[in-house]
Amino acid sequence: MTATHATATQHASDNLAVLAAIFETEAELCLYRRPPDADIAGYLSRAGLEGRLGLGWRRVLTPGETHDLPLAELPGRAALQADIAWLCELYATLTGCPRVGARLEVLRQAMCPRFHADRVGLRLLCCYQGPGTEWLPDAAADRSQLGAAAQGLADEQSGLILDAAAIGRAPPFSVLLLKGSQWPGARGGAIHRSPPPAPDQPRVLLALDAIW
C-alpha cells in the first residue's frame, strides 16, 4: 500500500509521482521514500573500511550519456553509478535542464549544521549513508529569524524554530527535492540543515543542481 502524507508546503510518499508536486505553488519540498539498495550500501561500507571513500567529487553530467565516475573499483560500484545516472535523468526530466551539476559529498562533520535556505532554484538530495537531510516546515519556523540563524547564532536563541517536534528527516536513499530562494515565486525556499554524521561512519550525500 502506498503511504502518502502532504501539507500545503511539503509532500512525502513512497510513490515516485510525488516529486511532480514540487511544481505546486505552495510546495517547498517533496520527498520520495524508496528502500535502500543493498549493493550500494555494501559498496559504501566496504569502501569506507578500506579507506577508499575519499572526500567526494564534483562533475558536470549530461543526462543520458555514460560517465565514468571517480568511484573505487569494488563490488557494487556499477549499482551506485547506475543510480546516480538515473537520478540525473530524473532531475533533468523534472527541470528540463540540459546538464546537471553533481557532487558526491563524503562528510565526516555536518556540512551545513544550521537551518538555512539554498540560493538555488531546485536542488535534489539523496543521502546514501548516514542520517538524511533535516527540514523545518514553514509553519514551524519564524522566517524573520532565518538570517540570524545562518549568521551563526544558535537556532533556538534566534527564535527560528517554533516547534522542534515538527523537524523532519529524509530516510536513507530517499529522493528529496528542495526549492531554493531562486525558484520563481518561492517564499524564500525550503528551510533545511545537515545533521552530524555518526562518529564511526561518514555521511555520503549526492546533490544535484541544474546547469543551463
N, C-alpha and C. Protein backbone atom coordinates (compact mmCIF):
# COMPACT_ATOMS: atom_id res chain seq x y z
N MET A 1 0.85 -1.19 0.00
CA MET A 1 0.00 0.00 0.00
C MET A 1 0.89 1.24 0.00
N THR A 2 0.54 2.22 -0.77
CA THR A 2 1.30 3.45 -0.85
C THR A 2 0.90 4.39 0.28
N ALA A 3 1.88 4.81 1.05
CA ALA A 3 1.61 5.74 2.14
C ALA A 3 1.98 7.13 1.67
N THR A 4 1.07 8.07 1.82
CA THR A 4 1.30 9.43 1.36
C THR A 4 0.94 10.41 2.46
N HIS A 5 1.77 11.42 2.62
CA HIS A 5 1.49 12.48 3.57
C HIS A 5 1.74 13.80 2.85
N ALA A 6 0.84 14.75 3.01
CA ALA A 6 1.01 16.02 2.34
C ALA A 6 0.48 17.16 3.21
N THR A 7 1.15 18.30 3.16
CA THR A 7 0.66 19.53 3.76
C THR A 7 0.68 20.57 2.66
N ALA A 8 0.41 21.81 3.00
CA ALA A 8 0.40 22.85 1.99
C ALA A 8 1.78 23.07 1.39
N THR A 9 2.84 22.77 2.15
CA THR A 9 4.18 23.11 1.69
C THR A 9 5.09 21.91 1.48
N GLN A 10 4.72 20.73 1.97
CA GLN A 10 5.58 19.56 1.80
C GLN A 10 4.76 18.34 1.46
N HIS A 11 5.37 17.49 0.64
CA HIS A 11 4.71 16.28 0.18
C HIS A 11 5.67 15.11 0.35
N ALA A 12 5.18 13.99 0.86
CA ALA A 12 6.02 12.81 1.06
C ALA A 12 5.24 11.57 0.71
N SER A 13 5.89 10.64 -0.01
CA SER A 13 5.21 9.42 -0.43
C SER A 13 6.25 8.37 -0.81
N ASP A 14 5.82 7.10 -0.86
CA ASP A 14 6.68 6.07 -1.41
C ASP A 14 6.35 5.81 -2.88
N ASN A 15 5.67 6.77 -3.49
CA ASN A 15 5.34 6.74 -4.92
C ASN A 15 6.16 7.82 -5.63
N LEU A 16 6.90 7.42 -6.66
CA LEU A 16 7.77 8.35 -7.38
C LEU A 16 7.02 9.58 -7.88
N ALA A 17 5.75 9.42 -8.20
CA ALA A 17 4.96 10.52 -8.77
C ALA A 17 4.86 11.71 -7.83
N VAL A 18 5.15 11.53 -6.55
CA VAL A 18 5.04 12.63 -5.60
C VAL A 18 5.96 13.78 -5.97
N LEU A 19 7.05 13.50 -6.67
CA LEU A 19 8.01 14.56 -6.99
C LEU A 19 7.41 15.62 -7.91
N ALA A 20 6.40 15.26 -8.68
CA ALA A 20 5.77 16.24 -9.57
C ALA A 20 5.05 17.33 -8.79
N ALA A 21 4.75 17.06 -7.52
CA ALA A 21 4.04 18.06 -6.71
C ALA A 21 4.91 19.27 -6.40
N ILE A 22 6.20 19.20 -6.69
CA ILE A 22 7.08 20.34 -6.43
C ILE A 22 6.68 21.55 -7.25
N PHE A 23 5.94 21.34 -8.33
CA PHE A 23 5.52 22.45 -9.19
C PHE A 23 4.27 23.15 -8.67
N GLU A 24 3.68 22.63 -7.62
CA GLU A 24 2.57 23.34 -7.00
C GLU A 24 3.10 24.61 -6.34
N THR A 25 2.35 25.67 -6.43
CA THR A 25 2.80 26.98 -5.96
C THR A 25 3.23 26.96 -4.50
N GLU A 26 2.47 26.29 -3.65
CA GLU A 26 2.74 26.30 -2.22
C GLU A 26 3.83 25.31 -1.80
N ALA A 27 4.16 24.37 -2.67
CA ALA A 27 5.10 23.31 -2.28
C ALA A 27 6.50 23.87 -2.07
N GLU A 28 7.16 23.43 -1.02
CA GLU A 28 8.54 23.80 -0.74
C GLU A 28 9.48 22.61 -0.89
N LEU A 29 8.98 21.42 -0.57
CA LEU A 29 9.81 20.24 -0.72
C LEU A 29 8.96 19.03 -1.01
N CYS A 30 9.55 18.05 -1.68
CA CYS A 30 8.90 16.77 -1.96
C CYS A 30 9.88 15.66 -1.61
N LEU A 31 9.37 14.63 -0.97
CA LEU A 31 10.19 13.51 -0.54
C LEU A 31 9.64 12.22 -1.13
N TYR A 32 10.49 11.53 -1.89
CA TYR A 32 10.14 10.21 -2.43
C TYR A 32 10.90 9.18 -1.63
N ARG A 33 10.18 8.43 -0.80
CA ARG A 33 10.81 7.39 0.01
C ARG A 33 11.00 6.13 -0.83
N ARG A 34 12.20 5.60 -0.82
CA ARG A 34 12.48 4.35 -1.53
C ARG A 34 13.38 3.49 -0.65
N PRO A 35 13.32 2.19 -0.80
CA PRO A 35 14.11 1.31 0.07
C PRO A 35 15.60 1.40 -0.26
N PRO A 36 16.45 1.14 0.73
CA PRO A 36 17.89 1.12 0.48
C PRO A 36 18.26 0.03 -0.51
N ASP A 37 19.30 0.27 -1.28
CA ASP A 37 19.85 -0.70 -2.21
C ASP A 37 21.00 -1.41 -1.52
N ALA A 38 20.88 -2.72 -1.33
CA ALA A 38 21.89 -3.48 -0.58
C ALA A 38 23.25 -3.43 -1.27
N ASP A 39 23.29 -3.44 -2.60
CA ASP A 39 24.57 -3.41 -3.32
C ASP A 39 25.30 -2.09 -3.07
N ILE A 40 24.53 -0.99 -3.11
CA ILE A 40 25.14 0.33 -2.89
C ILE A 40 25.58 0.48 -1.44
N ALA A 41 24.73 0.06 -0.51
CA ALA A 41 25.08 0.15 0.91
C ALA A 41 26.34 -0.67 1.20
N GLY A 42 26.42 -1.86 0.62
CA GLY A 42 27.59 -2.71 0.82
C GLY A 42 28.84 -2.10 0.22
N TYR A 43 28.69 -1.49 -0.94
CA TYR A 43 29.82 -0.84 -1.59
C TYR A 43 30.39 0.27 -0.72
N LEU A 44 29.50 1.14 -0.20
CA LEU A 44 29.95 2.27 0.61
C LEU A 44 30.58 1.79 1.91
N SER A 45 30.00 0.76 2.51
CA SER A 45 30.57 0.22 3.74
C SER A 45 31.96 -0.34 3.49
N ARG A 46 32.12 -1.09 2.41
CA ARG A 46 33.41 -1.70 2.08
C ARG A 46 34.44 -0.63 1.73
N ALA A 47 34.01 0.36 0.96
CA ALA A 47 34.93 1.44 0.58
C ALA A 47 35.39 2.21 1.81
N GLY A 48 34.49 2.39 2.77
CA GLY A 48 34.87 3.09 3.99
C GLY A 48 35.86 2.29 4.82
N LEU A 49 35.62 1.00 4.94
CA LEU A 49 36.52 0.14 5.72
C LEU A 49 37.91 0.07 5.11
N GLU A 50 37.97 0.15 3.77
CA GLU A 50 39.25 0.08 3.08
C GLU A 50 39.89 1.45 2.87
N GLY A 51 39.24 2.50 3.39
CA GLY A 51 39.79 3.84 3.24
C GLY A 51 39.77 4.35 1.82
N ARG A 52 38.75 3.95 1.04
CA ARG A 52 38.70 4.33 -0.37
C ARG A 52 37.51 5.21 -0.72
N LEU A 53 36.85 5.78 0.30
CA LEU A 53 35.75 6.70 0.02
C LEU A 53 36.25 8.06 -0.43
N GLY A 54 37.40 8.46 0.08
CA GLY A 54 37.95 9.76 -0.28
C GLY A 54 37.13 10.90 0.30
N LEU A 55 37.18 12.04 -0.38
CA LEU A 55 36.47 13.24 0.07
C LEU A 55 35.26 13.56 -0.79
N GLY A 56 35.03 12.72 -1.80
CA GLY A 56 33.92 13.01 -2.71
C GLY A 56 34.42 13.64 -4.00
N TRP A 57 33.50 14.10 -4.83
CA TRP A 57 33.88 14.67 -6.11
C TRP A 57 32.77 15.55 -6.67
N ARG A 58 33.09 16.33 -7.68
CA ARG A 58 32.14 17.19 -8.40
C ARG A 58 32.31 16.95 -9.89
N ARG A 59 31.19 16.85 -10.59
CA ARG A 59 31.21 16.64 -12.03
C ARG A 59 30.02 17.36 -12.68
N VAL A 60 30.19 17.73 -13.92
CA VAL A 60 29.06 18.20 -14.74
C VAL A 60 28.66 17.04 -15.63
N LEU A 61 27.44 16.57 -15.48
CA LEU A 61 26.97 15.38 -16.19
C LEU A 61 25.89 15.74 -17.20
N THR A 62 25.91 15.04 -18.31
CA THR A 62 24.86 15.19 -19.32
C THR A 62 23.94 14.00 -19.20
N PRO A 63 22.69 14.22 -18.84
CA PRO A 63 21.75 13.09 -18.67
C PRO A 63 21.64 12.26 -19.93
N GLY A 64 21.61 10.95 -19.77
CA GLY A 64 21.51 10.04 -20.91
C GLY A 64 22.83 9.58 -21.45
N GLU A 65 23.93 10.26 -21.09
CA GLU A 65 25.25 9.85 -21.54
C GLU A 65 25.93 8.99 -20.47
N THR A 66 26.88 8.19 -20.89
CA THR A 66 27.62 7.34 -19.97
C THR A 66 28.80 8.10 -19.41
N HIS A 67 28.93 8.10 -18.10
CA HIS A 67 30.03 8.80 -17.44
C HIS A 67 30.79 7.82 -16.56
N ASP A 68 32.11 7.87 -16.64
CA ASP A 68 32.95 7.03 -15.79
C ASP A 68 33.27 7.84 -14.54
N LEU A 69 32.48 7.65 -13.49
CA LEU A 69 32.62 8.46 -12.29
C LEU A 69 33.80 7.98 -11.45
N PRO A 70 34.42 8.89 -10.69
CA PRO A 70 35.58 8.53 -9.86
C PRO A 70 35.17 7.76 -8.61
N LEU A 71 34.81 6.50 -8.82
CA LEU A 71 34.39 5.62 -7.74
C LEU A 71 35.34 4.43 -7.66
N ALA A 72 35.67 4.02 -6.45
CA ALA A 72 36.60 2.91 -6.25
C ALA A 72 36.06 1.63 -6.89
N GLU A 73 36.96 0.86 -7.48
CA GLU A 73 36.59 -0.41 -8.14
C GLU A 73 36.37 -1.49 -7.09
N LEU A 74 35.13 -1.57 -6.64
CA LEU A 74 34.72 -2.55 -5.64
C LEU A 74 33.35 -3.10 -6.03
N PRO A 75 32.98 -4.26 -5.54
CA PRO A 75 31.63 -4.77 -5.82
C PRO A 75 30.56 -3.77 -5.40
N GLY A 76 29.62 -3.52 -6.28
CA GLY A 76 28.57 -2.54 -6.01
C GLY A 76 28.80 -1.21 -6.70
N ARG A 77 29.99 -1.01 -7.27
CA ARG A 77 30.28 0.25 -7.96
C ARG A 77 29.28 0.51 -9.08
N ALA A 78 29.00 -0.51 -9.89
CA ALA A 78 28.09 -0.34 -11.02
C ALA A 78 26.70 0.08 -10.55
N ALA A 79 26.26 -0.47 -9.41
CA ALA A 79 24.94 -0.12 -8.89
C ALA A 79 24.87 1.34 -8.49
N LEU A 80 25.92 1.85 -7.83
CA LEU A 80 25.95 3.25 -7.43
C LEU A 80 26.02 4.16 -8.65
N GLN A 81 26.87 3.80 -9.60
CA GLN A 81 26.98 4.63 -10.80
C GLN A 81 25.66 4.66 -11.57
N ALA A 82 24.97 3.53 -11.65
CA ALA A 82 23.69 3.48 -12.35
C ALA A 82 22.64 4.31 -11.62
N ASP A 83 22.67 4.30 -10.29
CA ASP A 83 21.68 5.07 -9.53
C ASP A 83 21.91 6.56 -9.70
N ILE A 84 23.17 6.98 -9.68
CA ILE A 84 23.47 8.39 -9.90
C ILE A 84 23.01 8.82 -11.29
N ALA A 85 23.24 7.99 -12.28
CA ALA A 85 22.81 8.30 -13.65
C ALA A 85 21.29 8.42 -13.71
N TRP A 86 20.58 7.50 -13.03
CA TRP A 86 19.12 7.55 -13.03
C TRP A 86 18.60 8.80 -12.35
N LEU A 87 19.21 9.19 -11.24
CA LEU A 87 18.78 10.40 -10.54
C LEU A 87 19.05 11.64 -11.39
N CYS A 88 20.16 11.65 -12.12
CA CYS A 88 20.43 12.79 -13.01
C CYS A 88 19.38 12.90 -14.10
N GLU A 89 18.99 11.76 -14.68
CA GLU A 89 17.95 11.78 -15.71
C GLU A 89 16.61 12.20 -15.13
N LEU A 90 16.30 11.72 -13.94
CA LEU A 90 15.05 12.10 -13.28
C LEU A 90 15.02 13.60 -13.03
N TYR A 91 16.11 14.13 -12.49
CA TYR A 91 16.18 15.56 -12.19
C TYR A 91 16.09 16.41 -13.46
N ALA A 92 16.80 15.97 -14.52
CA ALA A 92 16.76 16.71 -15.78
C ALA A 92 15.37 16.67 -16.40
N THR A 93 14.67 15.56 -16.25
CA THR A 93 13.30 15.47 -16.77
C THR A 93 12.39 16.44 -16.04
N LEU A 94 12.56 16.57 -14.73
CA LEU A 94 11.73 17.47 -13.95
C LEU A 94 12.02 18.94 -14.26
N THR A 95 13.28 19.27 -14.42
CA THR A 95 13.66 20.67 -14.58
C THR A 95 13.79 21.10 -16.04
N GLY A 96 14.06 20.15 -16.94
CA GLY A 96 14.30 20.48 -18.33
C GLY A 96 15.71 20.98 -18.60
N CYS A 97 16.62 20.85 -17.63
CA CYS A 97 17.98 21.35 -17.81
C CYS A 97 18.78 20.39 -18.70
N PRO A 98 19.70 20.92 -19.53
CA PRO A 98 20.50 20.07 -20.41
C PRO A 98 21.67 19.39 -19.73
N ARG A 99 22.16 19.98 -18.62
CA ARG A 99 23.29 19.40 -17.89
C ARG A 99 23.01 19.51 -16.39
N VAL A 100 23.67 18.65 -15.65
CA VAL A 100 23.45 18.59 -14.21
C VAL A 100 24.79 18.72 -13.48
N GLY A 101 24.84 19.61 -12.52
CA GLY A 101 26.00 19.70 -11.65
C GLY A 101 25.83 18.70 -10.51
N ALA A 102 26.68 17.69 -10.48
CA ALA A 102 26.56 16.63 -9.48
C ALA A 102 27.75 16.68 -8.53
N ARG A 103 27.49 16.50 -7.26
CA ARG A 103 28.58 16.38 -6.29
C ARG A 103 28.23 15.27 -5.30
N LEU A 104 29.20 14.44 -5.07
CA LEU A 104 29.06 13.39 -4.07
C LEU A 104 29.92 13.81 -2.88
N GLU A 105 29.28 14.09 -1.77
CA GLU A 105 29.96 14.58 -0.58
C GLU A 105 30.20 13.42 0.39
N VAL A 106 31.40 13.30 0.88
CA VAL A 106 31.73 12.34 1.94
C VAL A 106 32.02 13.19 3.17
N LEU A 107 31.09 13.21 4.10
CA LEU A 107 31.09 14.19 5.19
C LEU A 107 31.36 13.53 6.53
N ARG A 108 32.42 13.99 7.16
CA ARG A 108 32.76 13.49 8.49
C ARG A 108 32.37 14.48 9.58
N GLN A 109 31.79 15.59 9.17
CA GLN A 109 31.16 16.53 10.09
C GLN A 109 30.02 17.21 9.32
N ALA A 110 29.12 17.84 10.05
CA ALA A 110 27.96 18.45 9.40
C ALA A 110 28.40 19.53 8.42
N MET A 111 27.93 19.45 7.17
CA MET A 111 28.32 20.41 6.14
C MET A 111 27.64 21.76 6.38
N CYS A 112 26.36 21.76 6.64
CA CYS A 112 25.57 22.97 6.91
C CYS A 112 24.71 22.71 8.14
N PRO A 113 25.30 22.82 9.34
CA PRO A 113 24.60 22.38 10.54
C PRO A 113 23.46 23.28 10.98
N ARG A 114 23.38 24.50 10.45
CA ARG A 114 22.31 25.41 10.86
C ARG A 114 21.23 25.46 9.77
N PHE A 115 20.01 25.65 10.22
CA PHE A 115 18.92 25.74 9.27
C PHE A 115 19.12 26.93 8.34
N HIS A 116 18.87 26.70 7.07
CA HIS A 116 19.08 27.73 6.05
C HIS A 116 18.25 27.38 4.82
N ALA A 117 18.21 28.28 3.87
CA ALA A 117 17.60 28.04 2.57
C ALA A 117 18.67 28.27 1.50
N ASP A 118 18.74 27.39 0.50
CA ASP A 118 19.77 27.49 -0.53
C ASP A 118 19.44 28.58 -1.54
N ARG A 119 20.47 29.21 -2.06
CA ARG A 119 20.30 30.22 -3.11
C ARG A 119 20.39 29.54 -4.48
N VAL A 120 19.45 28.65 -4.73
CA VAL A 120 19.35 27.92 -5.99
C VAL A 120 17.87 27.90 -6.39
N GLY A 121 17.61 27.34 -7.57
CA GLY A 121 16.23 27.17 -7.97
C GLY A 121 15.62 25.92 -7.36
N LEU A 122 16.17 24.76 -7.73
CA LEU A 122 15.66 23.49 -7.23
C LEU A 122 16.84 22.54 -7.07
N ARG A 123 16.96 21.95 -5.89
CA ARG A 123 18.08 21.04 -5.61
C ARG A 123 17.53 19.66 -5.26
N LEU A 124 18.23 18.63 -5.76
CA LEU A 124 17.90 17.24 -5.41
C LEU A 124 18.97 16.72 -4.48
N LEU A 125 18.54 16.09 -3.39
CA LEU A 125 19.47 15.48 -2.44
C LEU A 125 19.11 14.02 -2.21
N CYS A 126 20.13 13.18 -2.13
CA CYS A 126 19.94 11.77 -1.79
C CYS A 126 21.08 11.36 -0.89
N CYS A 127 20.76 11.00 0.35
CA CYS A 127 21.78 10.57 1.30
C CYS A 127 21.87 9.05 1.26
N TYR A 128 22.98 8.54 0.79
CA TYR A 128 23.17 7.10 0.65
C TYR A 128 23.62 6.44 1.96
N GLN A 129 24.28 7.19 2.80
CA GLN A 129 24.80 6.62 4.04
C GLN A 129 24.76 7.69 5.13
N GLY A 130 24.33 7.31 6.32
CA GLY A 130 24.26 8.24 7.42
C GLY A 130 22.90 8.93 7.49
N PRO A 131 22.72 9.83 8.44
CA PRO A 131 21.43 10.50 8.61
C PRO A 131 21.11 11.43 7.45
N GLY A 132 19.85 11.41 7.02
CA GLY A 132 19.43 12.22 5.89
C GLY A 132 19.21 13.68 6.27
N THR A 133 19.03 14.51 5.25
CA THR A 133 18.80 15.94 5.45
C THR A 133 17.57 16.18 6.31
N GLU A 134 17.66 17.17 7.19
CA GLU A 134 16.53 17.56 8.03
C GLU A 134 15.91 18.84 7.50
N TRP A 135 14.61 18.98 7.71
CA TRP A 135 13.96 20.21 7.28
C TRP A 135 13.00 20.71 8.35
N LEU A 136 12.73 22.00 8.29
CA LEU A 136 11.82 22.66 9.21
C LEU A 136 10.63 23.18 8.42
N PRO A 137 9.43 22.63 8.64
CA PRO A 137 8.26 23.09 7.91
C PRO A 137 8.02 24.58 8.12
N ASP A 138 7.46 25.22 7.14
CA ASP A 138 7.25 26.66 7.21
C ASP A 138 6.40 27.04 8.41
N ALA A 139 5.41 26.23 8.73
CA ALA A 139 4.53 26.54 9.84
C ALA A 139 5.24 26.46 11.19
N ALA A 140 6.39 25.80 11.22
CA ALA A 140 7.15 25.63 12.47
C ALA A 140 8.36 26.55 12.53
N ALA A 141 8.42 27.54 11.64
CA ALA A 141 9.59 28.42 11.56
C ALA A 141 9.17 29.88 11.55
N ASP A 142 10.01 30.71 12.11
CA ASP A 142 9.85 32.16 12.03
C ASP A 142 10.87 32.65 11.02
N ARG A 143 10.43 32.84 9.78
CA ARG A 143 11.37 33.19 8.70
C ARG A 143 12.08 34.52 8.95
N SER A 144 11.52 35.37 9.76
CA SER A 144 12.19 36.65 10.04
C SER A 144 13.51 36.44 10.78
N GLN A 145 13.68 35.25 11.38
CA GLN A 145 14.90 34.94 12.12
C GLN A 145 15.88 34.10 11.32
N LEU A 146 15.56 33.81 10.06
CA LEU A 146 16.39 32.92 9.27
C LEU A 146 17.79 33.47 9.08
N GLY A 147 17.92 34.76 8.85
CA GLY A 147 19.23 35.37 8.65
C GLY A 147 20.09 35.29 9.89
N ALA A 148 19.49 35.52 11.05
CA ALA A 148 20.25 35.46 12.30
C ALA A 148 20.78 34.07 12.55
N ALA A 149 19.97 33.04 12.24
CA ALA A 149 20.42 31.67 12.44
C ALA A 149 21.58 31.34 11.52
N ALA A 150 21.50 31.79 10.27
CA ALA A 150 22.55 31.49 9.29
C ALA A 150 23.86 32.19 9.63
N GLN A 151 23.79 33.31 10.37
CA GLN A 151 25.00 34.06 10.70
C GLN A 151 25.74 33.46 11.89
N GLY A 152 25.23 32.37 12.44
CA GLY A 152 25.98 31.68 13.47
C GLY A 152 25.34 31.69 14.84
N LEU A 153 24.20 32.35 15.02
CA LEU A 153 23.53 32.31 16.29
C LEU A 153 22.86 30.95 16.46
N ALA A 154 22.71 30.49 17.68
CA ALA A 154 22.03 29.22 17.91
C ALA A 154 20.60 29.32 17.43
N ASP A 155 20.13 28.28 16.76
CA ASP A 155 18.78 28.31 16.20
C ASP A 155 17.74 28.61 17.26
N GLU A 156 17.89 27.96 18.43
CA GLU A 156 16.91 28.17 19.48
C GLU A 156 16.93 29.61 19.98
N GLN A 157 18.14 30.21 20.10
CA GLN A 157 18.25 31.58 20.57
C GLN A 157 17.71 32.56 19.54
N SER A 158 17.89 32.26 18.29
CA SER A 158 17.43 33.18 17.25
C SER A 158 15.92 33.18 17.12
N GLY A 159 15.29 32.15 17.65
CA GLY A 159 13.83 32.08 17.55
C GLY A 159 13.33 31.51 16.25
N LEU A 160 14.23 30.97 15.43
CA LEU A 160 13.81 30.42 14.15
C LEU A 160 12.88 29.23 14.32
N ILE A 161 13.23 28.32 15.24
CA ILE A 161 12.44 27.10 15.43
C ILE A 161 11.28 27.37 16.37
N LEU A 162 10.08 27.28 15.84
CA LEU A 162 8.88 27.47 16.66
C LEU A 162 8.37 26.16 17.23
N ASP A 163 8.67 25.06 16.56
CA ASP A 163 8.22 23.74 17.01
C ASP A 163 9.25 22.70 16.62
N ALA A 164 10.14 22.35 17.55
CA ALA A 164 11.21 21.41 17.26
C ALA A 164 10.68 20.02 16.94
N ALA A 165 9.50 19.69 17.45
CA ALA A 165 8.92 18.37 17.20
C ALA A 165 8.50 18.21 15.74
N ALA A 166 8.40 19.30 15.01
CA ALA A 166 7.97 19.25 13.62
C ALA A 166 9.12 19.03 12.65
N ILE A 167 10.36 19.01 13.14
CA ILE A 167 11.51 18.82 12.25
C ILE A 167 11.43 17.45 11.59
N GLY A 168 11.56 17.41 10.27
CA GLY A 168 11.52 16.16 9.51
C GLY A 168 12.92 15.75 9.09
N ARG A 169 13.06 14.46 8.78
CA ARG A 169 14.35 13.95 8.30
C ARG A 169 14.11 12.95 7.18
N ALA A 170 14.88 13.08 6.11
CA ALA A 170 14.77 12.16 4.98
C ALA A 170 15.42 10.82 5.33
N PRO A 171 14.73 9.71 5.12
CA PRO A 171 15.36 8.40 5.36
C PRO A 171 16.47 8.14 4.34
N PRO A 172 17.40 7.23 4.66
CA PRO A 172 18.46 6.89 3.71
C PRO A 172 17.90 6.45 2.36
N PHE A 173 18.54 6.87 1.30
CA PHE A 173 18.21 6.56 -0.10
C PHE A 173 16.98 7.31 -0.61
N SER A 174 16.29 8.05 0.23
CA SER A 174 15.15 8.83 -0.23
C SER A 174 15.61 9.93 -1.19
N VAL A 175 14.71 10.34 -2.07
CA VAL A 175 14.99 11.43 -3.00
C VAL A 175 14.25 12.66 -2.48
N LEU A 176 15.01 13.71 -2.21
CA LEU A 176 14.45 14.93 -1.64
C LEU A 176 14.63 16.09 -2.62
N LEU A 177 13.53 16.73 -2.99
CA LEU A 177 13.57 17.92 -3.82
C LEU A 177 13.29 19.13 -2.94
N LEU A 178 14.16 20.13 -3.03
CA LEU A 178 14.03 21.33 -2.21
C LEU A 178 14.03 22.57 -3.09
N LYS A 179 12.99 23.38 -2.97
CA LYS A 179 13.01 24.67 -3.65
C LYS A 179 13.97 25.60 -2.91
N GLY A 180 14.74 26.37 -3.69
CA GLY A 180 15.61 27.37 -3.11
C GLY A 180 15.03 28.76 -3.28
N SER A 181 15.76 29.75 -2.80
CA SER A 181 15.25 31.12 -2.85
C SER A 181 15.18 31.67 -4.26
N GLN A 182 15.87 31.02 -5.23
CA GLN A 182 15.85 31.49 -6.61
C GLN A 182 14.73 30.89 -7.44
N TRP A 183 13.93 30.01 -6.84
CA TRP A 183 12.79 29.44 -7.57
C TRP A 183 11.76 30.54 -7.81
N PRO A 184 11.26 30.70 -9.04
CA PRO A 184 10.28 31.76 -9.32
C PRO A 184 9.05 31.65 -8.41
N GLY A 185 8.78 32.72 -7.69
CA GLY A 185 7.62 32.75 -6.82
C GLY A 185 7.84 32.10 -5.47
N ALA A 186 9.05 31.62 -5.19
CA ALA A 186 9.31 30.96 -3.91
C ALA A 186 9.21 31.98 -2.78
N ARG A 187 8.82 31.49 -1.61
CA ARG A 187 8.71 32.36 -0.44
C ARG A 187 9.97 32.32 0.41
N GLY A 188 11.08 32.06 -0.22
CA GLY A 188 12.34 32.03 0.50
C GLY A 188 13.05 30.72 0.42
N GLY A 189 12.36 29.67 -0.02
CA GLY A 189 12.99 28.37 -0.16
C GLY A 189 12.78 27.49 1.06
N ALA A 190 12.95 26.18 0.86
CA ALA A 190 12.78 25.22 1.94
C ALA A 190 13.89 25.39 2.98
N ILE A 191 13.52 25.39 4.25
CA ILE A 191 14.47 25.55 5.35
C ILE A 191 14.97 24.16 5.75
N HIS A 192 16.28 23.97 5.71
CA HIS A 192 16.83 22.64 5.98
C HIS A 192 18.24 22.74 6.55
N ARG A 193 18.78 21.59 6.99
CA ARG A 193 20.13 21.56 7.52
C ARG A 193 20.71 20.15 7.38
N SER A 194 22.03 20.06 7.56
CA SER A 194 22.72 18.77 7.53
C SER A 194 22.92 18.29 8.97
N PRO A 195 22.41 17.11 9.32
CA PRO A 195 22.67 16.57 10.66
C PRO A 195 24.09 16.04 10.74
N PRO A 196 24.65 15.96 11.93
CA PRO A 196 26.02 15.43 12.07
C PRO A 196 26.06 13.93 11.79
N PRO A 197 27.13 13.44 11.17
CA PRO A 197 27.27 12.00 10.94
C PRO A 197 27.63 11.28 12.23
N ALA A 198 27.50 9.98 12.21
CA ALA A 198 27.94 9.17 13.35
C ALA A 198 29.46 9.24 13.45
N PRO A 199 30.03 9.09 14.65
CA PRO A 199 31.48 9.21 14.81
C PRO A 199 32.27 8.21 13.97
N ASP A 200 31.69 7.04 13.72
CA ASP A 200 32.44 5.99 13.03
C ASP A 200 32.01 5.77 11.59
N GLN A 201 31.14 6.66 11.06
CA GLN A 201 30.66 6.46 9.69
C GLN A 201 30.30 7.80 9.06
N PRO A 202 30.96 8.17 7.96
CA PRO A 202 30.64 9.45 7.31
C PRO A 202 29.30 9.41 6.59
N ARG A 203 28.72 10.58 6.43
CA ARG A 203 27.54 10.70 5.57
C ARG A 203 28.03 10.70 4.11
N VAL A 204 27.29 10.06 3.25
CA VAL A 204 27.57 10.11 1.82
C VAL A 204 26.33 10.68 1.14
N LEU A 205 26.46 11.87 0.61
CA LEU A 205 25.32 12.64 0.12
C LEU A 205 25.53 13.03 -1.33
N LEU A 206 24.54 12.78 -2.16
CA LEU A 206 24.54 13.23 -3.55
C LEU A 206 23.67 14.48 -3.66
N ALA A 207 24.20 15.52 -4.29
CA ALA A 207 23.45 16.76 -4.53
C ALA A 207 23.49 17.08 -6.03
N LEU A 208 22.33 17.42 -6.57
CA LEU A 208 22.21 17.74 -7.99
C LEU A 208 21.61 19.14 -8.17
N ASP A 209 22.22 19.91 -9.08
CA ASP A 209 21.73 21.24 -9.42
C ASP A 209 21.70 21.40 -10.92
N ALA A 210 20.77 22.20 -11.39
CA ALA A 210 20.61 22.43 -12.82
C ALA A 210 21.69 23.35 -13.36
N ILE A 211 22.18 23.03 -14.56
CA ILE A 211 23.12 23.89 -15.29
C ILE A 211 22.48 24.20 -16.63
N TRP A 212 22.38 25.48 -16.93
CA TRP A 212 21.73 25.91 -18.17
C TRP A 212 22.76 26.50 -19.15
